[in-house]
């Protein structure tokens, strides 16, 4: 079992959700977050250029069985990449999960996903 975390631009959320649905991955948690990577975001305030510390992003948390990891990653990349790839398109992190438990039934492991 794997926990996939994707940080993407907010305007790419609908596209990523659709590619995940097309890949038959329906269970996803979405949260609005802020962060800063390599992209630059400059604003003018009273004639002075300022750089905001944090930029709005969207975090997707997806838990899948091992056989769905590649299809989920491919779907996220396909949905999030803009114009052949730009700075700020996002990042994907993959972590192993020790255990998953469905609260309603008490099921554990792959069956709980």
PDB file of N, CA and C in Angstrom:
ATOM      1  N   UNK A   1       0.844  -1.165   0.000  1.00  0.00           N
ATOM      2  CA  UNK A   1       0.000   0.000   0.000  1.00  0.00           C
ATOM      3  C   UNK A   1       0.892   1.232   0.000  1.00  0.00           C
ATOM      4  N   UNK A   2       0.451   2.237  -0.743  1.00  0.00           N
ATOM      5  CA  UNK A   2       1.221   3.476  -0.856  1.00  0.00           C
ATOM      6  C   UNK A   2       0.335   4.680  -0.596  1.00  0.00           C
ATOM      7  N   UNK A   3       0.941   5.705  -0.047  1.00  0.00           N
ATOM      8  CA  UNK A   3       0.292   6.996   0.169  1.00  0.00           C
ATOM      9  C   UNK A   3       0.941   7.963  -0.821  1.00  0.00           C
ATOM     10  N   UNK A   4       0.156   8.450  -1.767  1.00  0.00           N
ATOM     11  CA  UNK A   4       0.648   9.383  -2.772  1.00  0.00           C
ATOM     12  C   UNK A   4       0.186  10.775  -2.372  1.00  0.00           C
ATOM     13  N   UNK A   5       1.133  11.685  -2.280  1.00  0.00           N
ATOM     14  CA  UNK A   5       0.844  13.083  -1.974  1.00  0.00           C
ATOM     15  C   UNK A   5       1.270  13.893  -3.187  1.00  0.00           C
ATOM     16  N   UNK A   6       0.347  14.658  -3.730  1.00  0.00           N
ATOM     17  CA  UNK A   6       0.663  15.515  -4.875  1.00  0.00           C
ATOM     18  C   UNK A   6       0.350  16.957  -4.499  1.00  0.00           C
ATOM     19  N   UNK A   7       1.282  17.838  -4.781  1.00  0.00           N
ATOM     20  CA  UNK A   7       1.085  19.272  -4.581  1.00  0.00           C
ATOM     21  C   UNK A   7       1.020  19.891  -5.976  1.00  0.00           C
ATOM     22  N   UNK A   8      -0.121  20.489  -6.315  1.00  0.00           N
ATOM     23  CA  UNK A   8      -0.344  21.011  -7.658  1.00  0.00           C
ATOM     24  C   UNK A   8      -0.921  22.422  -7.595  1.00  0.00           C
ATOM     25  N   UNK A   9      -0.867  23.164  -8.713  1.00  0.00           N
ATOM     26  CA  UNK A   9      -1.517  24.478  -8.751  1.00  0.00           C
ATOM     27  C   UNK A   9      -3.039  24.321  -8.685  1.00  0.00           C
ATOM     28  N   UNK A  10      -3.716  25.252  -8.030  1.00  0.00           N
ATOM     29  CA  UNK A  10      -5.175  25.150  -7.888  1.00  0.00           C
ATOM     30  C   UNK A  10      -5.915  25.062  -9.221  1.00  0.00           C
ATOM     31  N   UNK A  11      -5.415  25.739 -10.246  1.00  0.00           N
ATOM     32  CA  UNK A  11      -6.111  25.738 -11.528  1.00  0.00           C
ATOM     33  C   UNK A  11      -5.993  24.411 -12.270  1.00  0.00           C
ATOM     34  N   UNK A  12      -5.174  23.495 -11.783  1.00  0.00           N
ATOM     35  CA  UNK A  12      -5.022  22.185 -12.416  1.00  0.00           C
ATOM     36  C   UNK A  12      -5.845  21.098 -11.720  1.00  0.00           C
ATOM     37  N   UNK A  13      -6.552  21.440 -10.651  1.00  0.00           N
ATOM     38  CA  UNK A  13      -7.284  20.441  -9.873  1.00  0.00           C
ATOM     39  C   UNK A  13      -8.315  19.694 -10.707  1.00  0.00           C
ATOM     40  N   UNK A  14      -9.131  20.407 -11.461  1.00  0.00           N
ATOM     41  CA  UNK A  14     -10.169  19.741 -12.258  1.00  0.00           C
ATOM     42  C   UNK A  14      -9.567  18.787 -13.276  1.00  0.00           C
ATOM     43  N   UNK A  15      -8.476  19.206 -13.907  1.00  0.00           N
ATOM     44  CA  UNK A  15      -7.807  18.368 -14.898  1.00  0.00           C
ATOM     45  C   UNK A  15      -7.239  17.097 -14.255  1.00  0.00           C
ATOM     46  N   UNK A  16      -6.600  17.250 -13.108  1.00  0.00           N
ATOM     47  CA  UNK A  16      -6.029  16.089 -12.408  1.00  0.00           C
ATOM     48  C   UNK A  16      -7.134  15.156 -11.937  1.00  0.00           C
ATOM     49  N   UNK A  17      -8.203  15.714 -11.384  1.00  0.00           N
ATOM     50  CA  UNK A  17      -9.324  14.862 -10.946  1.00  0.00           C
ATOM     51  C   UNK A  17      -9.874  14.045 -12.105  1.00  0.00           C
ATOM     52  N   UNK A  18     -10.009  14.663 -13.276  1.00  0.00           N
ATOM     53  CA  UNK A  18     -10.544  13.945 -14.426  1.00  0.00           C
ATOM     54  C   UNK A  18      -9.599  12.833 -14.877  1.00  0.00           C
ATOM     55  N   UNK A  19      -8.290  13.101 -14.910  1.00  0.00           N
ATOM     56  CA  UNK A  19      -7.359  12.045 -15.317  1.00  0.00           C
ATOM     57  C   UNK A  19      -7.326  10.912 -14.296  1.00  0.00           C
ATOM     58  N   UNK A  20      -7.492  11.225 -13.014  1.00  0.00           N
ATOM     59  CA  UNK A  20      -7.573  10.170 -11.996  1.00  0.00           C
ATOM     60  C   UNK A  20      -8.837   9.335 -12.181  1.00  0.00           C
ATOM     61  N   UNK A  21      -9.955   9.984 -12.455  1.00  0.00           N
ATOM     62  CA  UNK A  21     -11.205   9.249 -12.706  1.00  0.00           C
ATOM     63  C   UNK A  21     -11.056   8.365 -13.934  1.00  0.00           C
ATOM     64  N   UNK A  22     -10.431   8.891 -14.986  1.00  0.00           N
ATOM     65  CA  UNK A  22     -10.200   8.097 -16.199  1.00  0.00           C
ATOM     66  C   UNK A  22      -9.320   6.882 -15.913  1.00  0.00           C
ATOM     67  N   UNK A  23      -8.421   6.999 -14.927  1.00  0.00           N
ATOM     68  CA  UNK A  23      -7.550   5.886 -14.531  1.00  0.00           C
ATOM     69  C   UNK A  23      -8.210   5.001 -13.480  1.00  0.00           C
ATOM     70  N   UNK A  24      -9.500   5.235 -13.213  1.00  0.00           N
ATOM     71  CA  UNK A  24     -10.286   4.475 -12.252  1.00  0.00           C
ATOM     72  C   UNK A  24      -9.775   4.603 -10.818  1.00  0.00           C
ATOM     73  N   UNK A  25      -9.318   5.808 -10.497  1.00  0.00           N
ATOM     74  CA  UNK A  25      -8.909   6.127  -9.133  1.00  0.00           C
ATOM     75  C   UNK A  25      -9.875   7.198  -8.652  1.00  0.00           C
ATOM     76  N   UNK A  26     -10.761   6.808  -7.743  1.00  0.00           N
ATOM     77  CA  UNK A  26     -11.856   7.671  -7.344  1.00  0.00           C
ATOM     78  C   UNK A  26     -11.698   8.251  -5.941  1.00  0.00           C
ATOM     79  N   UNK A  27     -10.932   7.599  -5.105  1.00  0.00           N
ATOM     80  CA  UNK A  27     -10.823   8.029  -3.714  1.00  0.00           C
ATOM     81  C   UNK A  27      -9.641   8.975  -3.548  1.00  0.00           C
ATOM     82  N   UNK A  28      -9.942  10.217  -3.238  1.00  0.00           N
ATOM     83  CA  UNK A  28      -8.905  11.230  -3.095  1.00  0.00           C
ATOM     84  C   UNK A  28      -9.355  12.264  -2.062  1.00  0.00           C
ATOM     85  N   UNK A  29      -8.418  12.748  -1.290  1.00  0.00           N
ATOM     86  CA  UNK A  29      -8.672  13.822  -0.349  1.00  0.00           C
ATOM     87  C   UNK A  29      -7.967  15.063  -0.868  1.00  0.00           C
ATOM     88  N   UNK A  30      -8.663  16.190  -0.857  1.00  0.00           N
ATOM     89  CA  UNK A  30      -8.113  17.434  -1.388  1.00  0.00           C
ATOM     90  C   UNK A  30      -8.095  18.488  -0.285  1.00  0.00           C
ATOM     91  N   UNK A  31      -6.987  19.213  -0.178  1.00  0.00           N
ATOM     92  CA  UNK A  31      -6.869  20.288   0.799  1.00  0.00           C
ATOM     93  C   UNK A  31      -6.190  21.491   0.149  1.00  0.00           C
ATOM     94  N   UNK A  32      -6.655  22.657   0.491  1.00  0.00           N
ATOM     95  CA  UNK A  32      -6.010  23.896   0.042  1.00  0.00           C
ATOM     96  C   UNK A  32      -4.839  24.166   0.979  1.00  0.00           C
ATOM     97  N   UNK A  33      -3.661  24.378   0.407  1.00  0.00           N
ATOM     98  CA  UNK A  33      -2.455  24.628   1.188  1.00  0.00           C
ATOM     99  C   UNK A  33      -1.701  25.804   0.577  1.00  0.00           C
ATOM    100  N   UNK A  34      -0.669  26.247   1.246  1.00  0.00           N
ATOM    101  CA  UNK A  34       0.223  27.253   0.691  1.00  0.00           C
ATOM    102  C   UNK A  34       1.644  26.748   0.815  1.00  0.00           C
ATOM    103  N   UNK A  35       2.485  27.188  -0.081  1.00  0.00           N
ATOM    104  CA  UNK A  35       3.870  26.756  -0.045  1.00  0.00           C
ATOM    105  C   UNK A  35       4.689  27.546  -1.038  1.00  0.00           C
ATOM    106  N   UNK A  36       5.954  27.193  -1.136  1.00  0.00           N
ATOM    107  CA  UNK A  36       6.831  27.873  -2.078  1.00  0.00           C
ATOM    108  C   UNK A  36       7.876  26.896  -2.570  1.00  0.00           C
ATOM    109  N   UNK A  37       8.039  26.841  -3.874  1.00  0.00           N
ATOM    110  CA  UNK A  37       9.042  25.993  -4.491  1.00  0.00           C
ATOM    111  C   UNK A  37       9.980  26.848  -5.311  1.00  0.00           C
ATOM    112  N   UNK A  38      10.275  26.422  -6.535  1.00  0.00           N
ATOM    113  CA  UNK A  38      11.209  27.139  -7.393  1.00  0.00           C
ATOM    114  C   UNK A  38      10.567  28.283  -8.160  1.00  0.00           C
ATOM    115  N   UNK A  39       9.237  28.251  -8.296  1.00  0.00           N
ATOM    116  CA  UNK A  39       8.585  29.288  -9.086  1.00  0.00           C
ATOM    117  C   UNK A  39       8.706  30.639  -8.392  1.00  0.00           C
ATOM    118  N   UNK A  40       8.681  31.690  -9.193  1.00  0.00           N
ATOM    119  CA  UNK A  40       8.775  33.033  -8.647  1.00  0.00           C
ATOM    120  C   UNK A  40       7.429  33.713  -8.760  1.00  0.00           C
ATOM    121  N   UNK A  41       7.072  34.410  -7.735  1.00  0.00           N
ATOM    122  CA  UNK A  41       5.806  35.124  -7.700  1.00  0.00           C
ATOM    123  C   UNK A  41       6.092  36.519  -7.163  1.00  0.00           C
ATOM    124  N   UNK A  42       6.179  37.495  -8.067  1.00  0.00           N
ATOM    125  CA  UNK A  42       6.514  38.857  -7.679  1.00  0.00           C
ATOM    126  C   UNK A  42       5.286  39.739  -7.784  1.00  0.00           C
ATOM    127  N   UNK A  43       5.128  40.630  -6.845  1.00  0.00           N
ATOM    128  CA  UNK A  43       4.046  41.604  -6.855  1.00  0.00           C
ATOM    129  C   UNK A  43       4.641  42.984  -6.643  1.00  0.00           C
ATOM    130  N   UNK A  44       3.882  43.984  -7.069  1.00  0.00           N
ATOM    131  CA  UNK A  44       4.261  45.359  -6.786  1.00  0.00           C
ATOM    132  C   UNK A  44       3.364  45.893  -5.682  1.00  0.00           C
ATOM    133  N   UNK A  45       3.965  46.504  -4.691  1.00  0.00           N
ATOM    134  CA  UNK A  45       3.221  47.134  -3.618  1.00  0.00           C
ATOM    135  C   UNK A  45       3.828  48.516  -3.391  1.00  0.00           C
ATOM    136  N   UNK A  46       3.034  49.530  -3.675  1.00  0.00           N
ATOM    137  CA  UNK A  46       3.488  50.915  -3.543  1.00  0.00           C
ATOM    138  C   UNK A  46       4.789  51.161  -4.302  1.00  0.00           C
ATOM    139  N   UNK A  47       4.837  50.583  -5.512  1.00  0.00           N
ATOM    140  CA  UNK A  47       5.993  50.800  -6.379  1.00  0.00           C
ATOM    141  C   UNK A  47       7.199  49.944  -6.059  1.00  0.00           C
ATOM    142  N   UNK A  48       7.126  49.154  -5.010  1.00  0.00           N
ATOM    143  CA  UNK A  48       8.248  48.299  -4.629  1.00  0.00           C
ATOM    144  C   UNK A  48       7.903  46.851  -4.959  1.00  0.00           C
ATOM    145  N   UNK A  49       8.873  46.157  -5.504  1.00  0.00           N
ATOM    146  CA  UNK A  49       8.649  44.744  -5.815  1.00  0.00           C
ATOM    147  C   UNK A  49       8.821  43.924  -4.549  1.00  0.00           C
ATOM    148  N   UNK A  50       7.805  43.110  -4.242  1.00  0.00           N
ATOM    149  CA  UNK A  50       7.880  42.231  -3.078  1.00  0.00           C
ATOM    150  C   UNK A  50       7.660  40.794  -3.528  1.00  0.00           C
ATOM    151  N   UNK A  51       8.212  39.868  -2.819  1.00  0.00           N
ATOM    152  CA  UNK A  51       8.041  38.457  -3.114  1.00  0.00           C
ATOM    153  C   UNK A  51       7.265  37.811  -1.974  1.00  0.00           C
ATOM    154  N   UNK A  52       6.019  37.395  -2.234  1.00  0.00           N
ATOM    155  CA  UNK A  52       5.267  36.717  -1.176  1.00  0.00           C
ATOM    156  C   UNK A  52       5.953  35.409  -0.785  1.00  0.00           C
ATOM    157  N   UNK A  53       5.869  35.086   0.496  1.00  0.00           N
ATOM    158  CA  UNK A  53       6.521  33.872   0.986  1.00  0.00           C
ATOM    159  C   UNK A  53       5.810  32.604   0.531  1.00  0.00           C
ATOM    160  N   UNK A  54       4.492  32.636   0.490  1.00  0.00           N
ATOM    161  CA  UNK A  54       3.750  31.408   0.234  1.00  0.00           C
ATOM    162  C   UNK A  54       2.767  31.600  -0.909  1.00  0.00           C
ATOM    163  N   UNK A  55       2.641  30.560  -1.740  1.00  0.00           N
ATOM    164  CA  UNK A  55       1.782  30.589  -2.919  1.00  0.00           C
ATOM    165  C   UNK A  55       0.674  29.560  -2.726  1.00  0.00           C
ATOM    166  N   UNK A  56      -0.573  29.891  -3.093  1.00  0.00           N
ATOM    167  CA  UNK A  56      -1.670  28.921  -2.958  1.00  0.00           C
ATOM    168  C   UNK A  56      -1.414  27.676  -3.812  1.00  0.00           C
ATOM    169  N   UNK A  57      -1.638  26.524  -3.224  1.00  0.00           N
ATOM    170  CA  UNK A  57      -1.502  25.228  -3.896  1.00  0.00           C
ATOM    171  C   UNK A  57      -2.645  24.322  -3.450  1.00  0.00           C
ATOM    172  N   UNK A  58      -2.739  23.168  -4.072  1.00  0.00           N
ATOM    173  CA  UNK A  58      -3.700  22.145  -3.682  1.00  0.00           C
ATOM    174  C   UNK A  58      -2.922  20.877  -3.370  1.00  0.00           C
ATOM    175  N   UNK A  59      -3.281  20.232  -2.263  1.00  0.00           N
ATOM    176  CA  UNK A  59      -2.644  18.966  -1.887  1.00  0.00           C
ATOM    177  C   UNK A  59      -3.649  17.844  -2.086  1.00  0.00           C
ATOM    178  N   UNK A  60      -3.235  16.826  -2.831  1.00  0.00           N
ATOM    179  CA  UNK A  60      -4.041  15.628  -3.027  1.00  0.00           C
ATOM    180  C   UNK A  60      -3.415  14.497  -2.220  1.00  0.00           C
ATOM    181  N   UNK A  61      -4.214  13.808  -1.437  1.00  0.00           N
ATOM    182  CA  UNK A  61      -3.767  12.621  -0.714  1.00  0.00           C
ATOM    183  C   UNK A  61      -4.532  11.442  -1.278  1.00  0.00           C
ATOM    184  N   UNK A  62      -3.793  10.463  -1.786  1.00  0.00           N
ATOM    185  CA  UNK A  62      -4.399   9.289  -2.407  1.00  0.00           C
ATOM    186  C   UNK A  62      -3.717   8.052  -1.825  1.00  0.00           C
ATOM    187  N   UNK A  63      -4.511   7.104  -1.352  1.00  0.00           N
ATOM    188  CA  UNK A  63      -3.971   5.835  -0.857  1.00  0.00           C
ATOM    189  C   UNK A  63      -4.403   4.753  -1.826  1.00  0.00           C
ATOM    190  N   UNK A  64      -3.426   4.000  -2.338  1.00  0.00           N
ATOM    191  CA  UNK A  64      -3.718   2.963  -3.334  1.00  0.00           C
ATOM    192  C   UNK A  64      -2.961   1.685  -3.003  1.00  0.00           C
ATOM    193  N   UNK A  65      -3.484   0.581  -3.528  1.00  0.00           N
ATOM    194  CA  UNK A  65      -2.741  -0.667  -3.487  1.00  0.00           C
ATOM    195  C   UNK A  65      -1.566  -0.545  -4.453  1.00  0.00           C
ATOM    196  N   UNK A  66      -0.540  -1.347  -4.255  1.00  0.00           N
ATOM    197  CA  UNK A  66       0.696  -1.226  -5.027  1.00  0.00           C
ATOM    198  C   UNK A  66       0.487  -1.262  -6.541  1.00  0.00           C
ATOM    199  N   UNK A  67      -0.477  -2.044  -7.018  1.00  0.00           N
ATOM    200  CA  UNK A  67      -0.667  -2.166  -8.469  1.00  0.00           C
ATOM    201  C   UNK A  67      -1.251  -0.905  -9.113  1.00  0.00           C
ATOM    202  N   UNK A  68      -1.736   0.039  -8.306  1.00  0.00           N
ATOM    203  CA  UNK A  68      -2.319   1.272  -8.847  1.00  0.00           C
ATOM    204  C   UNK A  68      -1.384   2.481  -8.756  1.00  0.00           C
ATOM    205  N   UNK A  69      -0.188   2.297  -8.215  1.00  0.00           N
ATOM    206  CA  UNK A  69       0.718   3.428  -8.011  1.00  0.00           C
ATOM    207  C   UNK A  69       1.094   4.079  -9.337  1.00  0.00           C
ATOM    208  N   UNK A  70       1.564   3.310 -10.295  1.00  0.00           N
ATOM    209  CA  UNK A  70       2.012   3.893 -11.571  1.00  0.00           C
ATOM    210  C   UNK A  70       0.883   4.570 -12.320  1.00  0.00           C
ATOM    211  N   UNK A  71      -0.305   3.977 -12.332  1.00  0.00           N
ATOM    212  CA  UNK A  71      -1.416   4.603 -13.041  1.00  0.00           C
ATOM    213  C   UNK A  71      -1.829   5.907 -12.352  1.00  0.00           C
ATOM    214  N   UNK A  72      -1.753   5.966 -11.027  1.00  0.00           N
ATOM    215  CA  UNK A  72      -2.080   7.197 -10.310  1.00  0.00           C
ATOM    216  C   UNK A  72      -1.054   8.283 -10.595  1.00  0.00           C
ATOM    217  N   UNK A  73       0.217   7.932 -10.561  1.00  0.00           N
ATOM    218  CA  UNK A  73       1.288   8.902 -10.826  1.00  0.00           C
ATOM    219  C   UNK A  73       1.191   9.428 -12.254  1.00  0.00           C
ATOM    220  N   UNK A  74       0.984   8.531 -13.206  1.00  0.00           N
ATOM    221  CA  UNK A  74       0.846   8.934 -14.608  1.00  0.00           C
ATOM    222  C   UNK A  74      -0.337   9.875 -14.788  1.00  0.00           C
ATOM    223  N   UNK A  75      -1.450   9.581 -14.150  1.00  0.00           N
ATOM    224  CA  UNK A  75      -2.641  10.422 -14.253  1.00  0.00           C
ATOM    225  C   UNK A  75      -2.388  11.809 -13.659  1.00  0.00           C
ATOM    226  N   UNK A  76      -1.706  11.865 -12.527  1.00  0.00           N
ATOM    227  CA  UNK A  76      -1.414  13.163 -11.908  1.00  0.00           C
ATOM    228  C   UNK A  76      -0.503  13.989 -12.802  1.00  0.00           C
ATOM    229  N   UNK A  77       0.540  13.367 -13.324  1.00  0.00           N
ATOM    230  CA  UNK A  77       1.467  14.090 -14.211  1.00  0.00           C
ATOM    231  C   UNK A  77       0.740  14.594 -15.450  1.00  0.00           C
ATOM    232  N   UNK A  78      -0.058  13.734 -16.048  1.00  0.00           N
ATOM    233  CA  UNK A  78      -0.799  14.109 -17.254  1.00  0.00           C
ATOM    234  C   UNK A  78      -1.754  15.277 -16.986  1.00  0.00           C
ATOM    235  N   UNK A  79      -2.422  15.249 -15.853  1.00  0.00           N
ATOM    236  CA  UNK A  79      -3.389  16.287 -15.539  1.00  0.00           C
ATOM    237  C   UNK A  79      -2.787  17.586 -15.041  1.00  0.00           C
ATOM    238  N   UNK A  80      -1.609  17.518 -14.426  1.00  0.00           N
ATOM    239  CA  UNK A  80      -1.022  18.714 -13.806  1.00  0.00           C
ATOM    240  C   UNK A  80      -0.045  19.450 -14.716  1.00  0.00           C
ATOM    241  N   UNK A  81       0.549  18.760 -15.675  1.00  0.00           N
ATOM    242  CA  UNK A  81       1.578  19.386 -16.509  1.00  0.00           C
ATOM    243  C   UNK A  81       0.950  20.400 -17.447  1.00  0.00           C
ATOM    244  N   UNK A  82       1.489  21.630 -17.424  1.00  0.00           N
ATOM    245  CA  UNK A  82       0.982  22.717 -18.268  1.00  0.00           C
ATOM    246  C   UNK A  82       1.975  23.004 -19.391  1.00  0.00           C
ATOM    247  N   UNK A  83       1.471  23.136 -20.602  1.00  0.00           N
ATOM    248  CA  UNK A  83       2.284  23.544 -21.752  1.00  0.00           C
ATOM    249  C   UNK A  83       3.586  22.765 -21.875  1.00  0.00           C
ATOM    250  N   UNK A  84       3.530  21.468 -21.714  1.00  0.00           N
ATOM    251  CA  UNK A  84       4.729  20.642 -21.836  1.00  0.00           C
ATOM    252  C   UNK A  84       5.620  20.661 -20.614  1.00  0.00           C
ATOM    253  N   UNK A  85       5.209  21.343 -19.576  1.00  0.00           N
ATOM    254  CA  UNK A  85       5.961  21.381 -18.324  1.00  0.00           C
ATOM    255  C   UNK A  85       6.489  22.764 -18.007  1.00  0.00           C
ATOM    256  N   UNK A  86       6.125  23.275 -16.848  1.00  0.00           N
ATOM    257  CA  UNK A  86       6.565  24.591 -16.396  1.00  0.00           C
ATOM    258  C   UNK A  86       6.982  24.509 -14.938  1.00  0.00           C
ATOM    259  N   UNK A  87       7.833  25.452 -14.520  1.00  0.00           N
ATOM    260  CA  UNK A  87       8.154  25.559 -13.103  1.00  0.00           C
ATOM    261  C   UNK A  87       6.852  25.850 -12.374  1.00  0.00           C
ATOM    262  N   UNK A  88       6.598  25.128 -11.290  1.00  0.00           N
ATOM    263  CA  UNK A  88       5.379  25.330 -10.522  1.00  0.00           C
ATOM    264  C   UNK A  88       4.290  24.322 -10.826  1.00  0.00           C
ATOM    265  N   UNK A  89       4.564  23.354 -11.728  1.00  0.00           N
ATOM    266  CA  UNK A  89       3.561  22.329 -12.037  1.00  0.00           C
ATOM    267  C   UNK A  89       3.293  21.416 -10.850  1.00  0.00           C
ATOM    268  N   UNK A  90       4.226  21.311  -9.921  1.00  0.00           N
ATOM    269  CA  UNK A  90       3.977  20.549  -8.710  1.00  0.00           C
ATOM    270  C   UNK A  90       4.984  19.458  -8.434  1.00  0.00           C
ATOM    271  N   UNK A  91       4.696  18.699  -7.402  1.00  0.00           N
ATOM    272  CA  UNK A  91       5.540  17.590  -6.967  1.00  0.00           C
ATOM    273  C   UNK A  91       4.655  16.427  -6.549  1.00  0.00           C
ATOM    274  N   UNK A  92       5.217  15.219  -6.638  1.00  0.00           N
ATOM    275  CA  UNK A  92       4.530  14.008  -6.177  1.00  0.00           C
ATOM    276  C   UNK A  92       5.468  13.295  -5.201  1.00  0.00           C
ATOM    277  N   UNK A  93       4.923  12.919  -4.060  1.00  0.00           N
ATOM    278  CA  UNK A  93       5.668  12.165  -3.060  1.00  0.00           C
ATOM    279  C   UNK A  93       4.958  10.829  -2.851  1.00  0.00           C
ATOM    280  N   UNK A  94       5.719   9.751  -2.731  1.00  0.00           N
ATOM    281  CA  UNK A  94       5.139   8.427  -2.522  1.00  0.00           C
ATOM    282  C   UNK A  94       5.760   7.827  -1.260  1.00  0.00           C
ATOM    283  N   UNK A  95       4.881   7.429  -0.325  1.00  0.00           N
ATOM    284  CA  UNK A  95       5.331   6.837   0.928  1.00  0.00           C
ATOM    285  C   UNK A  95       4.684   5.469   1.100  1.00  0.00           C
ATOM    286  N   UNK A  96       5.398   4.560   1.719  1.00  0.00           N
ATOM    287  CA  UNK A  96       4.824   3.262   2.059  1.00  0.00           C
ATOM    288  C   UNK A  96       3.934   3.418   3.287  1.00  0.00           C
ATOM    289  N   UNK A  97       2.847   2.657   3.296  1.00  0.00           N
ATOM    290  CA  UNK A  97       1.939   2.665   4.440  1.00  0.00           C
ATOM    291  C   UNK A  97       2.083   1.372   5.215  1.00  0.00           C
ATOM    292  N   UNK A  98       2.151   1.489   6.495  1.00  0.00           N
ATOM    293  CA  UNK A  98       2.255   0.313   7.347  1.00  0.00           C
ATOM    294  C   UNK A  98       0.912  -0.384   7.490  1.00  0.00           C
ATOM    295  N   UNK A  99      -0.152   0.403   7.679  1.00  0.00           N
ATOM    296  CA  UNK A  99      -1.461  -0.193   7.914  1.00  0.00           C
ATOM    297  C   UNK A  99      -2.560   0.787   7.542  1.00  0.00           C
ATOM    298  N   UNK A 100      -3.674   0.254   7.063  1.00  0.00           N
ATOM    299  CA  UNK A 100      -4.883   1.032   6.804  1.00  0.00           C
ATOM    300  C   UNK A 100      -6.033   0.292   7.466  1.00  0.00           C
ATOM    301  N   UNK A 101      -6.888   1.033   8.171  1.00  0.00           N
ATOM    302  CA  UNK A 101      -8.021   0.421   8.853  1.00  0.00           C
ATOM    303  C   UNK A 101      -9.279   1.197   8.494  1.00  0.00           C
ATOM    304  N   UNK A 102     -10.292   0.484   8.009  1.00  0.00           N
ATOM    305  CA  UNK A 102     -11.590   1.111   7.748  1.00  0.00           C
ATOM    306  C   UNK A 102     -12.364   1.116   9.053  1.00  0.00           C
ATOM    307  N   UNK A 103     -12.706   2.299   9.517  1.00  0.00           N
ATOM    308  CA  UNK A 103     -13.354   2.449  10.833  1.00  0.00           C
ATOM    309  C   UNK A 103     -14.707   1.731  10.862  1.00  0.00           C
ATOM    310  N   UNK A 104     -15.504   1.884   9.821  1.00  0.00           N
ATOM    311  CA  UNK A 104     -16.853   1.324   9.825  1.00  0.00           C
ATOM    312  C   UNK A 104     -16.876  -0.185  10.013  1.00  0.00           C
ATOM    313  N   UNK A 105     -15.980  -0.910   9.327  1.00  0.00           N
ATOM    314  CA  UNK A 105     -16.031  -2.375   9.352  1.00  0.00           C
ATOM    315  C   UNK A 105     -14.882  -3.024  10.117  1.00  0.00           C
ATOM    316  N   UNK A 106     -13.832  -2.266  10.382  1.00  0.00           N
ATOM    317  CA  UNK A 106     -12.667  -2.837  11.030  1.00  0.00           C
ATOM    318  C   UNK A 106     -11.729  -3.551  10.077  1.00  0.00           C
ATOM    319  N   UNK A 107     -12.040  -3.525   8.763  1.00  0.00           N
ATOM    320  CA  UNK A 107     -11.159  -4.161   7.774  1.00  0.00           C
ATOM    321  C   UNK A 107      -9.783  -3.524   7.821  1.00  0.00           C
ATOM    322  N   UNK A 108      -8.773  -4.339   7.504  1.00  0.00           N
ATOM    323  CA  UNK A 108      -7.392  -3.872   7.538  1.00  0.00           C
ATOM    324  C   UNK A 108      -6.688  -4.185   6.232  1.00  0.00           C
ATOM    325  N   UNK A 109      -5.625  -3.429   5.959  1.00  0.00           N
ATOM    326  CA  UNK A 109      -4.784  -3.685   4.794  1.00  0.00           C
ATOM    327  C   UNK A 109      -5.457  -3.315   3.484  1.00  0.00           C
ATOM    328  N   UNK A 110      -5.122  -4.076   2.430  1.00  0.00           N
ATOM    329  CA  UNK A 110      -5.635  -3.799   1.077  1.00  0.00           C
ATOM    330  C   UNK A 110      -7.160  -3.750   1.018  1.00  0.00           C
ATOM    331  N   UNK A 111      -7.815  -4.564   1.796  1.00  0.00           N
ATOM    332  CA  UNK A 111      -9.282  -4.596   1.788  1.00  0.00           C
ATOM    333  C   UNK A 111      -9.879  -3.296   2.314  1.00  0.00           C
ATOM    334  N   UNK A 112      -9.140  -2.575   3.144  1.00  0.00           N
ATOM    335  CA  UNK A 112      -9.650  -1.333   3.712  1.00  0.00           C
ATOM    336  C   UNK A 112      -9.553  -0.159   2.736  1.00  0.00           C
ATOM    337  N   UNK A 113      -8.756  -0.321   1.695  1.00  0.00           N
ATOM    338  CA  UNK A 113      -8.620   0.765   0.722  1.00  0.00           C
ATOM    339  C   UNK A 113      -9.801   0.723  -0.200  1.00  0.00           C
TER     340      UNK A 113
END
